[in-house]
């Protein structure tokens, strides 16, 4: 357990970050299912994806996962995953089987290694495409890049793939503002968070540095989320850094090992689940993550699956 310092509006004095599961190698990509009440996460190095449920512990969801990294839910509440080994963005059916490749190439060239992904209220998927899965054998497959840049992409519901930004060193985590008019993208090698304006057609403008993520401890900008008050949370040195809407740093949720990603979940979306190198952690907060859009499809998709 790690006792946390107070972060007004975010953590109460004495809040405790607890380790709820361990024994992993390199965790990433947690996502909470709001009706099935499970947490899905990836172990990139072991090429596995797992489900965690309150009171039920951890169960295997998919193996091999093609060294999947980031995950999100689409508007049908299906899991969308970024695969390092294949350089694919994919969507899953109930049991974790890959049923469809959503994106794999841009202008005839293979993507680098899709890293993190989010879904907006129109069903558009936004994802980062750094080169990490091509640079380390434990996190992907060693191979050269086909694309001459590391960028950010938007995959529309009709399957059209658009590169919306390409001037990054290694783009990683991303999140949208509550009104979806602003896209925040961090650069692990920056180490910065950049702010883009989002037009109605999904194109981006701006891109100035919004915040720098520095401090003592191990870690780089990685996962990123927003809460209902517009505060931006971002992995960084020492844990999860919390920024006010004006980019003022409010504090750091300290982790005992290098943190990689996180998500809101649990009752009322008030619990913060954090993935780290070998463990899964959780802390109760005073805030909450924004609710997911209502499920688009009418049929039931299953309580213990990634429908």
Protein backbone atom coordinates (compact mmCIF):
# COMPACT_ATOMS: atom_id res chain seq x y z
CA UNK A 1 0.00 0.00 0.00
CA UNK A 2 1.14 3.52 -0.79
CA UNK A 3 -0.35 6.36 1.25
CA UNK A 4 -0.95 9.38 -0.94
CA UNK A 5 -0.59 13.11 -0.26
CA UNK A 6 -3.78 15.12 -0.58
CA UNK A 7 -4.66 16.49 -4.02
CA UNK A 8 -7.69 18.78 -3.50
CA UNK A 9 -10.69 17.53 -5.43
CA UNK A 10 -8.82 14.41 -6.50
CA UNK A 11 -7.45 12.53 -3.46
CA UNK A 12 -8.47 12.82 0.17
CA UNK A 13 -5.72 13.07 2.81
CA UNK A 14 -4.37 9.59 3.51
CA UNK A 15 -5.85 7.95 0.41
CA UNK A 16 -4.23 4.57 -0.17
CA UNK A 17 -3.05 3.12 -3.46
CA UNK A 18 -3.39 -0.64 -3.08
CA UNK A 19 -1.93 -3.45 -5.15
CA UNK A 20 -4.87 -5.58 -6.31
CA UNK A 21 -2.97 -8.02 -8.56
CA UNK A 22 0.65 -8.84 -9.30
CA UNK A 23 3.11 -11.21 -10.90
CA UNK A 24 3.04 -9.67 -14.37
CA UNK A 25 5.85 -8.48 -16.63
CA UNK A 26 4.84 -5.23 -18.38
CA UNK A 27 1.27 -4.08 -17.87
CA UNK A 28 -0.54 -1.52 -20.00
CA UNK A 29 -3.87 -0.44 -21.47
CA UNK A 30 -6.52 -0.72 -18.70
CA UNK A 31 -10.13 -0.10 -19.69
CA UNK A 32 -13.27 -0.43 -17.54
CA UNK A 33 -16.54 -1.89 -18.84
CA UNK A 34 -19.36 0.20 -17.32
CA UNK A 35 -22.09 -2.46 -17.36
CA UNK A 36 -20.18 -5.77 -17.18
CA UNK A 37 -18.04 -4.29 -14.37
CA UNK A 38 -14.70 -5.72 -15.37
CA UNK A 39 -11.31 -4.21 -16.03
CA UNK A 40 -9.37 -5.37 -19.09
CA UNK A 41 -5.62 -4.82 -19.30
CA UNK A 42 -2.62 -5.99 -21.33
CA UNK A 43 0.67 -7.62 -20.43
CA UNK A 44 2.67 -6.66 -23.50
CA UNK A 45 5.77 -8.72 -22.78
CA UNK A 46 3.77 -11.91 -22.14
CA UNK A 47 1.43 -11.26 -25.11
CA UNK A 48 -1.66 -11.67 -22.93
CA UNK A 49 -4.76 -9.69 -22.06
CA UNK A 50 -6.58 -10.19 -18.77
CA UNK A 51 -9.86 -9.38 -17.08
CA UNK A 52 -10.05 -8.33 -13.43
CA UNK A 53 -13.34 -8.28 -11.54
CA UNK A 54 -14.07 -7.08 -7.99
CA UNK A 55 -14.10 -10.17 -5.80
CA UNK A 56 -13.23 -12.44 -8.71
CA UNK A 57 -9.61 -11.59 -9.34
CA UNK A 58 -7.79 -12.05 -12.63
CA UNK A 59 -8.73 -14.33 -15.53
CA UNK A 60 -7.11 -14.75 -18.93
CA UNK A 61 -8.94 -12.99 -21.74
CA UNK A 62 -6.72 -13.54 -24.77
CA UNK A 63 -3.43 -15.28 -25.54
CA UNK A 64 -1.52 -14.58 -27.68
CA UNK A 65 -2.59 -10.96 -27.88
CA UNK A 66 0.03 -10.05 -30.50
CA UNK A 67 1.64 -7.99 -27.75
CA UNK A 68 -1.38 -5.74 -27.42
CA UNK A 69 -0.85 -2.42 -25.66
CA UNK A 70 -3.60 0.19 -25.32
CA UNK A 71 -7.32 -0.63 -25.30
CA UNK A 72 -10.63 1.20 -25.36
CA UNK A 73 -14.32 0.45 -25.84
CA UNK A 74 -16.08 1.46 -29.04
CA UNK A 75 -19.69 2.64 -29.18
CA UNK A 76 -20.83 -1.00 -29.19
CA UNK A 77 -18.77 -1.54 -26.01
CA UNK A 78 -16.46 -3.91 -27.86
CA UNK A 79 -12.77 -3.83 -26.99
CA UNK A 80 -10.51 -2.13 -29.50
CA UNK A 81 -6.81 -2.97 -29.09
CA UNK A 82 -3.47 -1.70 -30.36
CA UNK A 83 -1.17 -4.58 -31.34
CA UNK A 84 2.59 -4.08 -31.32
CA UNK A 85 3.62 -7.34 -33.00
CA UNK A 86 1.34 -6.94 -36.01
CA UNK A 87 1.11 -3.13 -36.17
CA UNK A 88 -2.67 -3.51 -36.26
CA UNK A 89 -5.61 -1.73 -34.65
CA UNK A 90 -8.23 -4.44 -34.07
CA UNK A 91 -11.69 -4.98 -32.60
CA UNK A 92 -12.70 -8.09 -30.60
CA UNK A 93 -15.81 -10.23 -30.29
CA UNK A 94 -17.24 -11.73 -27.07
CA UNK A 95 -14.49 -14.21 -26.26
CA UNK A 96 -11.48 -12.13 -27.21
CA UNK A 97 -11.07 -13.45 -30.73
CA UNK A 98 -9.85 -10.88 -33.20
CA UNK A 99 -12.68 -10.46 -35.66
CA UNK A 100 -11.66 -7.45 -37.70
CA UNK A 101 -8.61 -5.35 -38.49
CA UNK A 102 -9.58 -1.70 -38.34
CA UNK A 103 -6.27 -0.22 -39.46
CA UNK A 104 -2.93 -1.67 -40.52
CA UNK A 105 -1.50 0.48 -43.30
CA UNK A 106 -1.31 4.13 -44.28
CA UNK A 107 -0.63 5.13 -47.87
CA UNK A 108 0.51 1.58 -48.60
CA UNK A 109 2.95 1.36 -45.71
CA UNK A 110 2.56 -0.62 -42.49
CA UNK A 111 1.81 1.34 -39.36
CA UNK A 112 4.63 1.54 -36.80
CA UNK A 113 3.14 0.01 -33.64
CA UNK A 114 -0.23 1.45 -32.56
CA UNK A 115 0.11 2.34 -28.89
CA UNK A 116 -2.99 3.89 -27.32
CA UNK A 117 -6.51 4.46 -28.57
CA UNK A 118 -9.67 6.36 -27.61
CA UNK A 119 -13.19 6.52 -29.04
CA UNK A 120 -15.20 9.73 -29.34
CA UNK A 121 -18.98 10.17 -29.22
CA UNK A 122 -19.22 9.85 -33.02
CA UNK A 123 -17.49 6.48 -33.02
CA UNK A 124 -14.22 7.81 -34.41
CA UNK A 125 -11.11 6.09 -33.08
CA UNK A 126 -8.05 8.22 -32.38
CA UNK A 127 -4.73 6.44 -31.84
CA UNK A 128 -1.03 7.11 -31.52
CA UNK A 129 1.56 5.29 -33.60
CA UNK A 130 5.08 5.51 -32.14
CA UNK A 131 7.84 3.06 -32.97
CA UNK A 132 8.20 1.31 -29.60
CA UNK A 133 6.94 -2.06 -30.86
CA UNK A 134 9.68 -2.07 -33.49
CA UNK A 135 12.49 -1.00 -31.16
CA UNK A 136 12.32 -3.64 -28.39
CA UNK A 137 11.93 -7.39 -28.82
CA UNK A 138 10.20 -7.73 -25.44
CA UNK A 139 7.51 -5.24 -26.49
CA UNK A 140 7.06 -6.22 -30.12
CA UNK A 141 9.08 -7.45 -33.09
CA UNK A 142 12.42 -5.89 -33.97
CA UNK A 143 12.11 -4.49 -37.49
CA UNK A 144 12.58 -1.28 -39.40
CA UNK A 145 9.86 1.30 -39.91
CA UNK A 146 7.99 1.66 -43.17
CA UNK A 147 6.48 5.04 -42.28
CA UNK A 148 8.95 7.96 -42.12
CA UNK A 149 7.26 9.50 -39.08
CA UNK A 150 5.59 8.74 -35.75
CA UNK A 151 2.10 10.21 -35.78
CA UNK A 152 -1.48 10.37 -34.59
CA UNK A 153 -4.31 8.85 -36.63
CA UNK A 154 -8.09 9.02 -36.79
CA UNK A 155 -10.02 5.96 -37.97
CA UNK A 156 -13.58 6.86 -38.97
CA UNK A 157 -16.57 4.49 -38.69
CA UNK A 158 -16.50 4.02 -42.47
CA UNK A 159 -12.95 2.70 -42.21
CA UNK A 160 -11.17 5.72 -43.66
CA UNK A 161 -7.81 6.26 -41.96
CA UNK A 162 -6.42 9.80 -41.69
CA UNK A 163 -3.11 10.98 -40.29
CA UNK A 164 -3.98 14.06 -38.23
CA UNK A 165 -0.50 14.87 -36.84
CA UNK A 166 2.96 13.59 -37.65
CA UNK A 167 5.45 15.93 -35.95
CA UNK A 168 6.08 13.86 -32.81
CA UNK A 169 9.15 12.09 -31.51
CA UNK A 170 7.17 9.25 -29.89
CA UNK A 171 3.44 10.02 -29.38
CA UNK A 172 1.88 7.95 -26.64
CA UNK A 173 -1.19 8.75 -24.52
CA UNK A 174 -4.10 10.85 -25.68
CA UNK A 175 -7.45 12.12 -24.45
CA UNK A 176 -10.23 14.43 -25.58
CA UNK A 177 -11.68 17.33 -23.63
CA UNK A 178 -15.21 16.86 -22.33
CA UNK A 179 -16.69 18.80 -25.28
CA UNK A 180 -14.37 16.94 -27.71
CA UNK A 181 -13.11 20.22 -29.15
CA UNK A 182 -9.59 19.69 -27.81
CA UNK A 183 -7.26 16.72 -28.21
CA UNK A 184 -4.37 16.29 -25.78
CA UNK A 185 -1.48 14.08 -26.94
CA UNK A 186 1.68 13.42 -24.99
CA UNK A 187 5.13 12.72 -26.36
CA UNK A 188 7.17 10.26 -24.30
CA UNK A 189 10.44 11.67 -25.58
CA UNK A 190 9.26 15.29 -25.16
CA UNK A 191 8.47 14.87 -22.34
CA UNK A 192 5.45 17.03 -23.09
CA UNK A 193 1.69 17.21 -23.48
CA UNK A 194 0.49 19.03 -26.59
CA UNK A 195 -2.92 20.62 -27.14
CA UNK A 196 -4.76 20.52 -30.48
CA UNK A 197 -8.02 22.12 -31.56
CA UNK A 198 -10.42 19.62 -33.16
CA UNK A 199 -12.56 20.83 -36.07
CA UNK A 200 -15.96 19.36 -36.87
CA UNK A 201 -14.47 17.26 -39.67
CA UNK A 202 -11.89 15.78 -37.30
CA UNK A 203 -8.92 17.76 -38.56
CA UNK A 204 -6.51 19.26 -36.05
CA UNK A 205 -4.89 22.65 -35.68
CA UNK A 206 -2.57 24.14 -33.10
CA UNK A 207 -0.44 21.61 -31.27
CA UNK A 208 1.50 23.86 -28.94
CA UNK A 209 3.07 22.40 -25.82
CA UNK A 210 0.45 22.56 -23.06
CA UNK A 211 2.48 21.09 -20.20
CA UNK A 212 5.83 19.47 -19.48
CA UNK A 213 5.84 16.22 -17.50
CA UNK A 214 8.94 16.11 -15.34
CA UNK A 215 9.94 15.29 -11.78
CA UNK A 216 11.80 12.78 -9.62
CA UNK A 217 11.28 9.07 -10.08
CA UNK A 218 11.00 6.63 -12.95
CA UNK A 219 8.57 7.10 -15.82
CA UNK A 220 7.71 9.12 -18.92
CA UNK A 221 4.48 10.56 -20.34
CA UNK A 222 2.39 7.51 -21.17
CA UNK A 223 -1.32 6.96 -20.50
CA UNK A 224 -3.56 10.01 -20.30
CA UNK A 225 -7.19 10.65 -19.24
CA UNK A 226 -9.49 13.52 -18.29
CA UNK A 227 -11.91 13.72 -15.35
CA UNK A 228 -15.35 15.35 -15.16
CA UNK A 229 -13.79 18.60 -13.92
CA UNK A 230 -11.52 18.87 -16.96
CA UNK A 231 -8.36 17.93 -15.09
CA UNK A 232 -5.82 16.04 -17.19
CA UNK A 233 -4.11 12.99 -15.68
CA UNK A 234 -0.87 11.73 -17.25
CA UNK A 235 1.69 9.09 -16.32
CA UNK A 236 5.11 10.52 -15.66
CA UNK A 237 8.10 10.33 -13.33
CA UNK A 238 7.05 8.92 -9.97
CA UNK A 239 3.42 8.13 -10.81
CA UNK A 240 0.32 9.78 -12.28
CA UNK A 241 0.61 13.55 -12.66
CA UNK A 242 -2.55 15.65 -12.29
CA UNK A 243 -2.98 18.97 -14.11
CA UNK A 244 -5.69 21.61 -13.72
CA UNK A 245 -7.57 22.74 -16.87
CA UNK A 246 -5.12 25.67 -17.10
CA UNK A 247 -2.14 23.24 -17.09
CA UNK A 248 -1.13 23.98 -13.48
CA UNK A 249 0.30 20.83 -11.92
CA UNK A 250 -1.80 19.87 -8.89
CA UNK A 251 0.15 16.88 -7.65
CA UNK A 252 1.32 13.34 -8.35
CA UNK A 253 -0.40 10.08 -7.43
CA UNK A 254 2.69 8.17 -6.31
CA UNK A 255 3.26 4.58 -7.44
CA UNK A 256 5.82 2.12 -5.98
CA UNK A 257 7.00 1.07 -9.44
CA UNK A 258 7.04 2.67 -12.88
CA UNK A 259 3.45 3.40 -13.92
CA UNK A 260 2.41 2.96 -17.54
CA UNK A 261 -1.30 3.69 -17.86
CA UNK A 262 -4.53 4.02 -15.89
CA UNK A 263 -8.28 4.46 -16.19
CA UNK A 264 -11.29 5.42 -14.12
CA UNK A 265 -13.75 2.68 -13.21
CA UNK A 266 -15.69 1.05 -10.42
CA UNK A 267 -18.86 2.45 -8.85
CA UNK A 268 -19.55 5.87 -10.29
CA UNK A 269 -16.26 5.78 -12.23
CA UNK A 270 -14.56 7.07 -9.06
CA UNK A 271 -11.79 4.50 -8.68
CA UNK A 272 -8.51 4.97 -10.49
CA UNK A 273 -6.91 1.75 -11.74
CA UNK A 274 -3.20 2.03 -12.50
CA UNK A 275 -1.02 -0.41 -14.45
CA UNK A 276 2.67 -0.57 -13.58
CA UNK A 277 5.56 -2.80 -14.54
CA UNK A 278 4.48 -5.90 -12.62
CA UNK A 279 1.35 -4.91 -10.73
CA UNK A 280 -2.19 -3.60 -10.99
CA UNK A 281 -3.08 -0.89 -8.48
CA UNK A 282 -6.21 1.02 -7.46
CA UNK A 283 -7.05 4.10 -5.40
CA UNK A 284 -10.40 5.69 -4.54
CA UNK A 285 -10.69 9.29 -5.69
CA UNK A 286 -12.87 12.32 -4.98
CA UNK A 287 -13.51 12.84 -8.67
CA UNK A 288 -14.73 10.58 -11.48
CA UNK A 289 -14.05 9.80 -15.08
CA UNK A 290 -16.52 10.93 -17.73
CA UNK A 291 -19.22 8.37 -18.50
CA UNK A 292 -18.98 6.42 -21.70
CA UNK A 293 -21.57 7.15 -24.41
CA UNK A 294 -24.61 4.83 -24.27
CA UNK A 295 -24.14 1.52 -26.02
CA UNK A 296 -25.08 1.90 -29.67
CA UNK A 297 -26.32 -1.64 -30.32
CA UNK A 298 -29.50 -2.86 -28.69
CA UNK A 299 -28.56 -6.49 -28.14
CA UNK A 300 -26.84 -7.64 -24.97
CA UNK A 301 -23.12 -8.17 -25.48
CA UNK A 302 -22.28 -10.35 -22.50
CA UNK A 303 -21.23 -9.69 -18.93
CA UNK A 304 -17.91 -11.51 -19.00
CA UNK A 305 -16.73 -10.71 -22.50
CA UNK A 306 -15.44 -7.89 -24.57
CA UNK A 307 -18.46 -7.95 -26.83
